[in-house]
Each structure stands twice: as C-alpha cells, then as structure tokens.
Amino acid sequence: MAMELGPGITRRCPCGAFTVVLTSKTKENPGRRFYKCGVVFGENHIFKWADDAHLEEIEAMAAKQSVMEQDLIKIKEQLLEMKKDITEIVEVVAALSTKIRK
C-alpha cells in the first residue's frame, strides 16, 4: 500500500522524488485528482488524494491565522499600555520642567 505523509500537500516522496498530480481513471474514483511519487507507485511511496490534501492545507492555514489574530490582539493591548506610559512620562517631564523653571 502507498503511504500518506503528514497533513497537507506533500511535495516530495520519502524516496526523494518530487510528487506529481494525476487524475484517477478508476471506476471507484473517476476524475479524482491525487498526488503520488513521481517515480514509483507502491509501498513506501507517497499517495494522497488532492481534495484531502487541500482540505488539510486550508485547516492548517486557518489554525495559523487564528494564532496570528490572537497575537495581533496582544500587540494592540501592549501598544495601548505603551501609549499610556508615554503619556504619563510626558506629564512627569512637564511637571519637572515647570519646577526647574521656578
């Protein structure tokens, strides 16, 4: 049996060959696209249905996007805190400047 390596689109077979995209001509899966080893078909060489691989890629990208959105929220919160700190520093500097001038 052919092997399926990890989620998403596999670009290389464990043997080192690039994968190719072909179209099934079988009765069970007519017209269905798949990735396979560009050199050998069989045990220890990659085989994965393209629709499964694409769905896995989309799911992985959605998860990454979610993490990035959470990171962005944290960065915005930190930026607001920094703006508050800067405002306080400006006020202290202004007060000290006033005292020094007197």
PDB file of N, CA and C in Angstrom:
ATOM      1  N   MET A   1       0.840  -1.187   0.000  1.00  0.00           N
ATOM      2  CA  MET A   1       0.000   0.000   0.000  1.00  0.00           C
ATOM      3  C   MET A   1       0.880   1.243   0.000  1.00  0.00           C
ATOM      4  N   ALA A   2       0.462   2.258  -0.741  1.00  0.00           N
ATOM      5  CA  ALA A   2       1.193   3.522  -0.793  1.00  0.00           C
ATOM      6  C   ALA A   2       1.050   4.246   0.539  1.00  0.00           C
ATOM      7  N   MET A   3       1.990   5.116   0.840  1.00  0.00           N
ATOM      8  CA  MET A   3       1.955   5.811   2.121  1.00  0.00           C
ATOM      9  C   MET A   3       1.472   7.246   1.967  1.00  0.00           C
ATOM     10  N   GLU A   4       0.963   7.768   3.069  1.00  0.00           N
ATOM     11  CA  GLU A   4       0.494   9.145   3.118  1.00  0.00           C
ATOM     12  C   GLU A   4       1.305   9.851   4.191  1.00  0.00           C
ATOM     13  N   LEU A   5       2.073  10.851   3.818  1.00  0.00           N
ATOM     14  CA  LEU A   5       2.944  11.548   4.762  1.00  0.00           C
ATOM     15  C   LEU A   5       2.292  12.803   5.299  1.00  0.00           C
ATOM     16  N   GLY A   6       2.012  12.854   6.566  1.00  0.00           N
ATOM     17  CA  GLY A   6       1.550  14.064   7.238  1.00  0.00           C
ATOM     18  C   GLY A   6       0.428  14.811   6.544  1.00  0.00           C
ATOM     19  N   PRO A   7      -0.022  15.877   7.188  1.00  0.00           N
ATOM     20  CA  PRO A   7      -1.119  16.666   6.644  1.00  0.00           C
ATOM     21  C   PRO A   7      -0.679  17.562   5.487  1.00  0.00           C
ATOM     22  N   GLY A   8      -1.623  17.920   4.656  1.00  0.00           N
ATOM     23  CA  GLY A   8      -1.362  18.873   3.583  1.00  0.00           C
ATOM     24  C   GLY A   8      -0.772  18.244   2.335  1.00  0.00           C
ATOM     25  N   ILE A   9      -0.310  19.123   1.481  1.00  0.00           N
ATOM     26  CA  ILE A   9       0.245  18.709   0.192  1.00  0.00           C
ATOM     27  C   ILE A   9       1.698  18.285   0.392  1.00  0.00           C
ATOM     28  N   THR A  10       1.999  17.061   0.057  1.00  0.00           N
ATOM     29  CA  THR A  10       3.360  16.549   0.164  1.00  0.00           C
ATOM     30  C   THR A  10       4.058  16.788  -1.158  1.00  0.00           C
ATOM     31  N   ARG A  11       5.150  17.517  -1.113  1.00  0.00           N
ATOM     32  CA  ARG A  11       5.825  17.888  -2.350  1.00  0.00           C
ATOM     33  C   ARG A  11       6.929  16.913  -2.748  1.00  0.00           C
ATOM     34  N   ARG A  12       7.379  16.120  -1.773  1.00  0.00           N
ATOM     35  CA  ARG A  12       8.415  15.115  -2.058  1.00  0.00           C
ATOM     36  C   ARG A  12       8.053  13.796  -1.398  1.00  0.00           C
ATOM     37  N   CYS A  13       8.373  12.750  -2.070  1.00  0.00           N
ATOM     38  CA  CYS A  13       8.198  11.397  -1.559  1.00  0.00           C
ATOM     39  C   CYS A  13       9.382  11.092  -0.631  1.00  0.00           C
ATOM     40  N   PRO A  14       9.217  10.184   0.313  1.00  0.00           N
ATOM     41  CA  PRO A  14      10.364   9.814   1.156  1.00  0.00           C
ATOM     42  C   PRO A  14      11.573   9.327   0.352  1.00  0.00           C
ATOM     43  N   CYS A  15      11.349   8.855  -0.856  1.00  0.00           N
ATOM     44  CA  CYS A  15      12.477   8.398  -1.680  1.00  0.00           C
ATOM     45  C   CYS A  15      13.262   9.570  -2.262  1.00  0.00           C
ATOM     46  N   GLY A  16      12.710  10.800  -2.099  1.00  0.00           N
ATOM     47  CA  GLY A  16      13.391  11.990  -2.596  1.00  0.00           C
ATOM     48  C   GLY A  16      12.814  12.543  -3.885  1.00  0.00           C
ATOM     49  N   ALA A  17      11.992  11.757  -4.563  1.00  0.00           N
ATOM     50  CA  ALA A  17      11.398  12.214  -5.821  1.00  0.00           C
ATOM     51  C   ALA A  17      10.303  13.237  -5.545  1.00  0.00           C
ATOM     52  N   PHE A  18      10.113  14.158  -6.470  1.00  0.00           N
ATOM     53  CA  PHE A  18       9.010  15.104  -6.365  1.00  0.00           C
ATOM     54  C   PHE A  18       7.698  14.373  -6.608  1.00  0.00           C
ATOM     55  N   THR A  19       6.634  14.879  -5.999  1.00  0.00           N
ATOM     56  CA  THR A  19       5.321  14.286  -6.257  1.00  0.00           C
ATOM     57  C   THR A  19       4.751  14.878  -7.538  1.00  0.00           C
ATOM     58  N   VAL A  20       3.854  14.149  -8.150  1.00  0.00           N
ATOM     59  CA  VAL A  20       3.144  14.615  -9.335  1.00  0.00           C
ATOM     60  C   VAL A  20       1.653  14.541  -9.042  1.00  0.00           C
ATOM     61  N   VAL A  21       0.887  15.324  -9.791  1.00  0.00           N
ATOM     62  CA  VAL A  21      -0.563  15.299  -9.644  1.00  0.00           C
ATOM     63  C   VAL A  21      -1.137  14.605 -10.867  1.00  0.00           C
ATOM     64  N   LEU A  22      -1.918  13.584 -10.617  1.00  0.00           N
ATOM     65  CA  LEU A  22      -2.539  12.825 -11.704  1.00  0.00           C
ATOM     66  C   LEU A  22      -4.047  12.754 -11.475  1.00  0.00           C
ATOM     67  N   THR A  23      -4.752  12.280 -12.467  1.00  0.00           N
ATOM     68  CA  THR A  23      -6.196  12.124 -12.374  1.00  0.00           C
ATOM     69  C   THR A  23      -6.553  10.651 -12.440  1.00  0.00           C
ATOM     70  N   SER A  24      -7.369  10.232 -11.476  1.00  0.00           N
ATOM     71  CA  SER A  24      -7.784   8.835 -11.418  1.00  0.00           C
ATOM     72  C   SER A  24      -8.690   8.489 -12.588  1.00  0.00           C
ATOM     73  N   LYS A  25      -8.496   7.309 -13.110  1.00  0.00           N
ATOM     74  CA  LYS A  25      -9.351   6.803 -14.185  1.00  0.00           C
ATOM     75  C   LYS A  25     -10.064   5.530 -13.744  1.00  0.00           C
ATOM     76  N   THR A  26     -10.071   5.289 -12.429  1.00  0.00           N
ATOM     77  CA  THR A  26     -10.713   4.089 -11.919  1.00  0.00           C
ATOM     78  C   THR A  26     -12.223   4.261 -11.874  1.00  0.00           C
ATOM     79  N   LYS A  27     -12.918   3.151 -11.817  1.00  0.00           N
ATOM     80  CA  LYS A  27     -14.367   3.167 -11.731  1.00  0.00           C
ATOM     81  C   LYS A  27     -14.827   3.776 -10.404  1.00  0.00           C
ATOM     82  N   GLU A  28     -14.072   3.505  -9.324  1.00  0.00           N
ATOM     83  CA  GLU A  28     -14.428   3.991  -7.990  1.00  0.00           C
ATOM     84  C   GLU A  28     -14.204   5.489  -7.812  1.00  0.00           C
ATOM     85  N   ASN A  29     -13.207   6.051  -8.477  1.00  0.00           N
ATOM     86  CA  ASN A  29     -12.841   7.467  -8.299  1.00  0.00           C
ATOM     87  C   ASN A  29     -12.556   8.159  -9.632  1.00  0.00           C
ATOM     88  N   PRO A  30     -13.470   8.110 -10.576  1.00  0.00           N
ATOM     89  CA  PRO A  30     -13.185   8.704 -11.887  1.00  0.00           C
ATOM     90  C   PRO A  30     -13.003  10.218 -11.786  1.00  0.00           C
ATOM     91  N   GLY A  31     -11.942  10.707 -12.382  1.00  0.00           N
ATOM     92  CA  GLY A  31     -11.687  12.144 -12.429  1.00  0.00           C
ATOM     93  C   GLY A  31     -11.145  12.737 -11.142  1.00  0.00           C
ATOM     94  N   ARG A  32     -10.959  11.942 -10.113  1.00  0.00           N
ATOM     95  CA  ARG A  32     -10.457  12.453  -8.840  1.00  0.00           C
ATOM     96  C   ARG A  32      -8.941  12.623  -8.926  1.00  0.00           C
ATOM     97  N   ARG A  33      -8.460  13.794  -8.538  1.00  0.00           N
ATOM     98  CA  ARG A  33      -7.030  14.107  -8.615  1.00  0.00           C
ATOM     99  C   ARG A  33      -6.302  13.549  -7.393  1.00  0.00           C
ATOM    100  N   PHE A  34      -5.032  13.185  -7.582  1.00  0.00           N
ATOM    101  CA  PHE A  34      -4.228  12.675  -6.470  1.00  0.00           C
ATOM    102  C   PHE A  34      -2.761  13.009  -6.665  1.00  0.00           C
ATOM    103  N   TYR A  35      -2.056  13.046  -5.534  1.00  0.00           N
ATOM    104  CA  TYR A  35      -0.605  13.223  -5.529  1.00  0.00           C
ATOM    105  C   TYR A  35       0.031  11.848  -5.378  1.00  0.00           C
ATOM    106  N   LYS A  36       1.127  11.631  -6.094  1.00  0.00           N
ATOM    107  CA  LYS A  36       1.863  10.383  -5.944  1.00  0.00           C
ATOM    108  C   LYS A  36       3.324  10.641  -6.237  1.00  0.00           C
ATOM    109  N   CYS A  37       4.142   9.707  -5.823  1.00  0.00           N
ATOM    110  CA  CYS A  37       5.569   9.767  -6.122  1.00  0.00           C
ATOM    111  C   CYS A  37       5.737   9.882  -7.634  1.00  0.00           C
ATOM    112  N   GLY A  38       6.621  10.779  -8.053  1.00  0.00           N
ATOM    113  CA  GLY A  38       6.839  10.970  -9.479  1.00  0.00           C
ATOM    114  C   GLY A  38       7.645   9.871 -10.134  1.00  0.00           C
ATOM    115  N   VAL A  39       8.149   8.928  -9.330  1.00  0.00           N
ATOM    116  CA  VAL A  39       8.999   7.874  -9.873  1.00  0.00           C
ATOM    117  C   VAL A  39       8.363   6.495  -9.738  1.00  0.00           C
ATOM    118  N   VAL A  40       7.873   6.181  -8.526  1.00  0.00           N
ATOM    119  CA  VAL A  40       7.406   4.822  -8.248  1.00  0.00           C
ATOM    120  C   VAL A  40       6.019   4.875  -7.624  1.00  0.00           C
ATOM    121  N   PHE A  41       5.174   3.917  -7.976  1.00  0.00           N
ATOM    122  CA  PHE A  41       3.883   3.771  -7.317  1.00  0.00           C
ATOM    123  C   PHE A  41       3.933   2.494  -6.501  1.00  0.00           C
ATOM    124  N   GLY A  42       3.640   2.602  -5.233  1.00  0.00           N
ATOM    125  CA  GLY A  42       3.627   1.395  -4.417  1.00  0.00           C
ATOM    126  C   GLY A  42       4.000   1.667  -2.986  1.00  0.00           C
ATOM    127  N   GLU A  43       4.225   0.580  -2.279  1.00  0.00           N
ATOM    128  CA  GLU A  43       4.556   0.649  -0.861  1.00  0.00           C
ATOM    129  C   GLU A  43       5.771   1.533  -0.633  1.00  0.00           C
ATOM    130  N   ASN A  44       5.712   2.324   0.453  1.00  0.00           N
ATOM    131  CA  ASN A  44       6.784   3.240   0.846  1.00  0.00           C
ATOM    132  C   ASN A  44       6.950   4.423  -0.100  1.00  0.00           C
ATOM    133  N   HIS A  45       5.954   4.688  -0.938  1.00  0.00           N
ATOM    134  CA  HIS A  45       5.974   5.867  -1.803  1.00  0.00           C
ATOM    135  C   HIS A  45       4.644   6.602  -1.634  1.00  0.00           C
ATOM    136  N   ILE A  46       4.720   7.901  -1.744  1.00  0.00           N
ATOM    137  CA  ILE A  46       3.576   8.766  -1.406  1.00  0.00           C
ATOM    138  C   ILE A  46       2.378   8.572  -2.338  1.00  0.00           C
ATOM    139  N   PHE A  47       1.202   8.616  -1.725  1.00  0.00           N
ATOM    140  CA  PHE A  47      -0.070   8.671  -2.451  1.00  0.00           C
ATOM    141  C   PHE A  47      -1.039   9.415  -1.544  1.00  0.00           C
ATOM    142  N   LYS A  48      -1.683  10.446  -2.091  1.00  0.00           N
ATOM    143  CA  LYS A  48      -2.682  11.177  -1.320  1.00  0.00           C
ATOM    144  C   LYS A  48      -3.678  11.815  -2.280  1.00  0.00           C
ATOM    145  N   TRP A  49      -4.954  11.700  -1.936  1.00  0.00           N
ATOM    146  CA  TRP A  49      -5.992  12.340  -2.735  1.00  0.00           C
ATOM    147  C   TRP A  49      -5.831  13.856  -2.615  1.00  0.00           C
ATOM    148  N   ALA A  50      -5.925  14.552  -3.732  1.00  0.00           N
ATOM    149  CA  ALA A  50      -5.715  16.000  -3.760  1.00  0.00           C
ATOM    150  C   ALA A  50      -6.746  16.742  -2.920  1.00  0.00           C
ATOM    151  N   ASP A  51      -8.012  16.312  -2.976  1.00  0.00           N
ATOM    152  CA  ASP A  51      -9.034  17.030  -2.205  1.00  0.00           C
ATOM    153  C   ASP A  51      -8.770  16.921  -0.709  1.00  0.00           C
ATOM    154  N   ASP A  52      -8.289  15.776  -0.240  1.00  0.00           N
ATOM    155  CA  ASP A  52      -7.928  15.616   1.172  1.00  0.00           C
ATOM    156  C   ASP A  52      -6.746  16.518   1.524  1.00  0.00           C
ATOM    157  N   ALA A  53      -5.736  16.523   0.660  1.00  0.00           N
ATOM    158  CA  ALA A  53      -4.538  17.334   0.895  1.00  0.00           C
ATOM    159  C   ALA A  53      -4.894  18.821   0.945  1.00  0.00           C
ATOM    160  N   HIS A  54      -5.755  19.262   0.044  1.00  0.00           N
ATOM    161  CA  HIS A  54      -6.129  20.680   0.003  1.00  0.00           C
ATOM    162  C   HIS A  54      -6.913  21.075   1.246  1.00  0.00           C
ATOM    163  N   LEU A  55      -7.817  20.223   1.680  1.00  0.00           N
ATOM    164  CA  LEU A  55      -8.586  20.490   2.890  1.00  0.00           C
ATOM    165  C   LEU A  55      -7.641  20.594   4.100  1.00  0.00           C
ATOM    166  N   GLU A  56      -6.673  19.711   4.192  1.00  0.00           N
ATOM    167  CA  GLU A  56      -5.705  19.761   5.284  1.00  0.00           C
ATOM    168  C   GLU A  56      -4.890  21.056   5.244  1.00  0.00           C
ATOM    169  N   GLU A  57      -4.536  21.503   4.051  1.00  0.00           N
ATOM    170  CA  GLU A  57      -3.794  22.763   3.911  1.00  0.00           C
ATOM    171  C   GLU A  57      -4.643  23.932   4.408  1.00  0.00           C
ATOM    172  N   ILE A  58      -5.913  23.955   4.029  1.00  0.00           N
ATOM    173  CA  ILE A  58      -6.816  25.032   4.446  1.00  0.00           C
ATOM    174  C   ILE A  58      -6.982  25.026   5.964  1.00  0.00           C
ATOM    175  N   GLU A  59      -7.150  23.847   6.545  1.00  0.00           N
ATOM    176  CA  GLU A  59      -7.294  23.744   8.002  1.00  0.00           C
ATOM    177  C   GLU A  59      -6.035  24.238   8.712  1.00  0.00           C
ATOM    178  N   ALA A  60      -4.871  23.894   8.194  1.00  0.00           N
ATOM    179  CA  ALA A  60      -3.615  24.341   8.796  1.00  0.00           C
ATOM    180  C   ALA A  60      -3.481  25.859   8.696  1.00  0.00           C
ATOM    181  N   MET A  61      -3.855  26.424   7.558  1.00  0.00           N
ATOM    182  CA  MET A  61      -3.788  27.872   7.383  1.00  0.00           C
ATOM    183  C   MET A  61      -4.775  28.576   8.308  1.00  0.00           C
ATOM    184  N   ALA A  62      -5.955  28.015   8.495  1.00  0.00           N
ATOM    185  CA  ALA A  62      -6.947  28.602   9.396  1.00  0.00           C
ATOM    186  C   ALA A  62      -6.424  28.609  10.830  1.00  0.00           C
ATOM    187  N   ALA A  63      -5.771  27.542  11.237  1.00  0.00           N
ATOM    188  CA  ALA A  63      -5.209  27.479  12.588  1.00  0.00           C
ATOM    189  C   ALA A  63      -4.112  28.534  12.762  1.00  0.00           C
ATOM    190  N   LYS A  64      -3.256  28.677  11.764  1.00  0.00           N
ATOM    191  CA  LYS A  64      -2.197  29.686  11.823  1.00  0.00           C
ATOM    192  C   LYS A  64      -2.791  31.089  11.870  1.00  0.00           C
ATOM    193  N   GLN A  65      -3.841  31.316  11.097  1.00  0.00           N
ATOM    194  CA  GLN A  65      -4.488  32.624  11.079  1.00  0.00           C
ATOM    195  C   GLN A  65      -5.065  32.946  12.457  1.00  0.00           C
ATOM    196  N   SER A  66      -5.655  31.965  13.105  1.00  0.00           N
ATOM    197  CA  SER A  66      -6.221  32.166  14.432  1.00  0.00           C
ATOM    198  C   SER A  66      -5.130  32.579  15.429  1.00  0.00           C
ATOM    199  N   VAL A  67      -3.998  31.913  15.370  1.00  0.00           N
ATOM    200  CA  VAL A  67      -2.880  32.256  16.255  1.00  0.00           C
ATOM    201  C   VAL A  67      -2.407  33.680  15.967  1.00  0.00           C
ATOM    202  N   MET A  68      -2.303  34.031  14.702  1.00  0.00           N
ATOM    203  CA  MET A  68      -1.858  35.375  14.328  1.00  0.00           C
ATOM    204  C   MET A  68      -2.841  36.433  14.811  1.00  0.00           C
ATOM    205  N   GLU A  69      -4.133  36.149  14.724  1.00  0.00           N
ATOM    206  CA  GLU A  69      -5.140  37.093  15.198  1.00  0.00           C
ATOM    207  C   GLU A  69      -5.006  37.310  16.702  1.00  0.00           C
ATOM    208  N   GLN A  70      -4.781  36.237  17.465  1.00  0.00           N
ATOM    209  CA  GLN A  70      -4.582  36.363  18.911  1.00  0.00           C
ATOM    210  C   GLN A  70      -3.312  37.159  19.221  1.00  0.00           C
ATOM    211  N   ASP A  71      -2.254  36.907  18.466  1.00  0.00           N
ATOM    212  CA  ASP A  71      -1.010  37.659  18.650  1.00  0.00           C
ATOM    213  C   ASP A  71      -1.234  39.141  18.369  1.00  0.00           C
ATOM    214  N   LEU A  72      -2.003  39.451  17.344  1.00  0.00           N
ATOM    215  CA  LEU A  72      -2.280  40.838  16.993  1.00  0.00           C
ATOM    216  C   LEU A  72      -3.070  41.534  18.102  1.00  0.00           C
ATOM    217  N   ILE A  73      -4.019  40.839  18.696  1.00  0.00           N
ATOM    218  CA  ILE A  73      -4.784  41.405  19.810  1.00  0.00           C
ATOM    219  C   ILE A  73      -3.844  41.748  20.964  1.00  0.00           C
ATOM    220  N   LYS A  74      -2.915  40.841  21.279  1.00  0.00           N
ATOM    221  CA  LYS A  74      -1.950  41.092  22.361  1.00  0.00           C
ATOM    222  C   LYS A  74      -1.063  42.287  22.039  1.00  0.00           C
ATOM    223  N   ILE A  75      -0.625  42.385  20.793  1.00  0.00           N
ATOM    224  CA  ILE A  75       0.238  43.500  20.385  1.00  0.00           C
ATOM    225  C   ILE A  75      -0.518  44.818  20.518  1.00  0.00           C
ATOM    226  N   LYS A  76      -1.780  44.841  20.119  1.00  0.00           N
ATOM    227  CA  LYS A  76      -2.587  46.065  20.247  1.00  0.00           C
ATOM    228  C   LYS A  76      -2.742  46.462  21.715  1.00  0.00           C
ATOM    229  N   GLU A  77      -2.952  45.479  22.589  1.00  0.00           N
ATOM    230  CA  GLU A  77      -3.068  45.763  24.024  1.00  0.00           C
ATOM    231  C   GLU A  77      -1.760  46.334  24.565  1.00  0.00           C
ATOM    232  N   GLN A  78      -0.633  45.750  24.146  1.00  0.00           N
ATOM    233  CA  GLN A  78       0.672  46.245  24.589  1.00  0.00           C
ATOM    234  C   GLN A  78       0.918  47.658  24.082  1.00  0.00           C
ATOM    235  N   LEU A  79       0.486  47.946  22.867  1.00  0.00           N
ATOM    236  CA  LEU A  79       0.655  49.279  22.293  1.00  0.00           C
ATOM    237  C   LEU A  79      -0.149  50.307  23.082  1.00  0.00           C
ATOM    238  N   LEU A  80      -1.364  49.963  23.479  1.00  0.00           N
ATOM    239  CA  LEU A  80      -2.175  50.871  24.295  1.00  0.00           C
ATOM    240  C   LEU A  80      -1.496  51.146  25.639  1.00  0.00           C
ATOM    241  N   GLU A  81      -0.933  50.097  26.238  1.00  0.00           N
ATOM    242  CA  GLU A  81      -0.219  50.276  27.508  1.00  0.00           C
ATOM    243  C   GLU A  81       0.990  51.189  27.317  1.00  0.00           C
ATOM    244  N   MET A  82       1.708  51.012  26.224  1.00  0.00           N
ATOM    245  CA  MET A  82       2.873  51.863  25.958  1.00  0.00           C
ATOM    246  C   MET A  82       2.455  53.316  25.762  1.00  0.00           C
ATOM    247  N   LYS A  83       1.341  53.537  25.082  1.00  0.00           N
ATOM    248  CA  LYS A  83       0.845  54.908  24.885  1.00  0.00           C
ATOM    249  C   LYS A  83       0.497  55.550  26.217  1.00  0.00           C
ATOM    250  N   LYS A  84      -0.105  54.774  27.119  1.00  0.00           N
ATOM    251  CA  LYS A  84      -0.430  55.292  28.454  1.00  0.00           C
ATOM    252  C   LYS A  84       0.854  55.647  29.200  1.00  0.00           C
ATOM    253  N   ASP A  85       1.848  54.758  29.123  1.00  0.00           N
ATOM    254  CA  ASP A  85       3.126  55.015  29.789  1.00  0.00           C
ATOM    255  C   ASP A  85       3.784  56.284  29.243  1.00  0.00           C
ATOM    256  N   ILE A  86       3.753  56.460  27.947  1.00  0.00           N
ATOM    257  CA  ILE A  86       4.357  57.644  27.325  1.00  0.00           C
ATOM    258  C   ILE A  86       3.632  58.902  27.784  1.00  0.00           C
ATOM    259  N   THR A  87       2.318  58.841  27.860  1.00  0.00           N
ATOM    260  CA  THR A  87       1.533  59.991  28.324  1.00  0.00           C
ATOM    261  C   THR A  87       1.938  60.355  29.747  1.00  0.00           C
ATOM    262  N   GLU A  88       2.081  59.347  30.611  1.00  0.00           N
ATOM    263  CA  GLU A  88       2.500  59.596  31.993  1.00  0.00           C
ATOM    264  C   GLU A  88       3.905  60.202  32.044  1.00  0.00           C
ATOM    265  N   ILE A  89       4.804  59.688  31.227  1.00  0.00           N
ATOM    266  CA  ILE A  89       6.177  60.207  31.192  1.00  0.00           C
ATOM    267  C   ILE A  89       6.182  61.660  30.746  1.00  0.00           C
ATOM    268  N   VAL A  90       5.409  61.995  29.744  1.00  0.00           N
ATOM    269  CA  VAL A  90       5.324  63.378  29.244  1.00  0.00           C
ATOM    270  C   VAL A  90       4.800  64.295  30.343  1.00  0.00           C
ATOM    271  N   GLU A  91       3.799  63.832  31.084  1.00  0.00           N
ATOM    272  CA  GLU A  91       3.247  64.636  32.178  1.00  0.00           C
ATOM    273  C   GLU A  91       4.288  64.868  33.268  1.00  0.00           C
ATOM    274  N   VAL A  92       5.044  63.838  33.627  1.00  0.00           N
ATOM    275  CA  VAL A  92       6.089  63.981  34.650  1.00  0.00           C
ATOM    276  C   VAL A  92       7.176  64.938  34.172  1.00  0.00           C
ATOM    277  N   VAL A  93       7.601  64.805  32.937  1.00  0.00           N
ATOM    278  CA  VAL A  93       8.634  65.689  32.383  1.00  0.00           C
ATOM    279  C   VAL A  93       8.134  67.135  32.385  1.00  0.00           C
ATOM    280  N   ALA A  94       6.879  67.332  32.011  1.00  0.00           N
ATOM    281  CA  ALA A  94       6.314  68.687  32.003  1.00  0.00           C
ATOM    282  C   ALA A  94       6.293  69.269  33.416  1.00  0.00           C
ATOM    283  N   ALA A  95       5.894  68.452  34.397  1.00  0.00           N
ATOM    284  CA  ALA A  95       5.853  68.917  35.786  1.00  0.00           C
ATOM    285  C   ALA A  95       7.247  69.247  36.285  1.00  0.00           C
ATOM    286  N   LEU A  96       8.242  68.414  35.971  1.00  0.00           N
ATOM    287  CA  LEU A  96       9.612  68.679  36.378  1.00  0.00           C
ATOM    288  C   LEU A  96      10.163  69.920  35.699  1.00  0.00           C
ATOM    289  N   SER A  97       9.835  70.109  34.445  1.00  0.00           N
ATOM    290  CA  SER A  97      10.282  71.303  33.725  1.00  0.00           C
ATOM    291  C   SER A  97       9.734  72.567  34.381  1.00  0.00           C
ATOM    292  N   THR A  98       8.486  72.506  34.800  1.00  0.00           N
ATOM    293  CA  THR A  98       7.844  73.660  35.463  1.00  0.00           C
ATOM    294  C   THR A  98       8.559  73.966  36.780  1.00  0.00           C
ATOM    295  N   LYS A  99       8.877  72.919  37.565  1.00  0.00           N
ATOM    296  CA  LYS A  99       9.551  73.111  38.846  1.00  0.00           C
ATOM    297  C   LYS A  99      10.957  73.666  38.651  1.00  0.00           C
ATOM    298  N   ILE A 100      11.652  73.180  37.618  1.00  0.00           N
ATOM    299  CA  ILE A 100      13.024  73.643  37.366  1.00  0.00           C
ATOM    300  C   ILE A 100      13.028  75.114  36.970  1.00  0.00           C
ATOM    301  N   ARG A 101      12.068  75.553  36.217  1.00  0.00           N
ATOM    302  CA  ARG A 101      11.996  76.944  35.740  1.00  0.00           C
ATOM    303  C   ARG A 101      11.701  77.918  36.888  1.00  0.00           C
ATOM    304  N   LYS A 102      11.100  77.464  37.951  1.00  0.00           N
ATOM    305  CA  LYS A 102      10.743  78.328  39.076  1.00  0.00           C
ATOM    306  C   LYS A 102      11.923  78.648  39.888  1.00  0.00           C
TER     307      LYS A 102
END
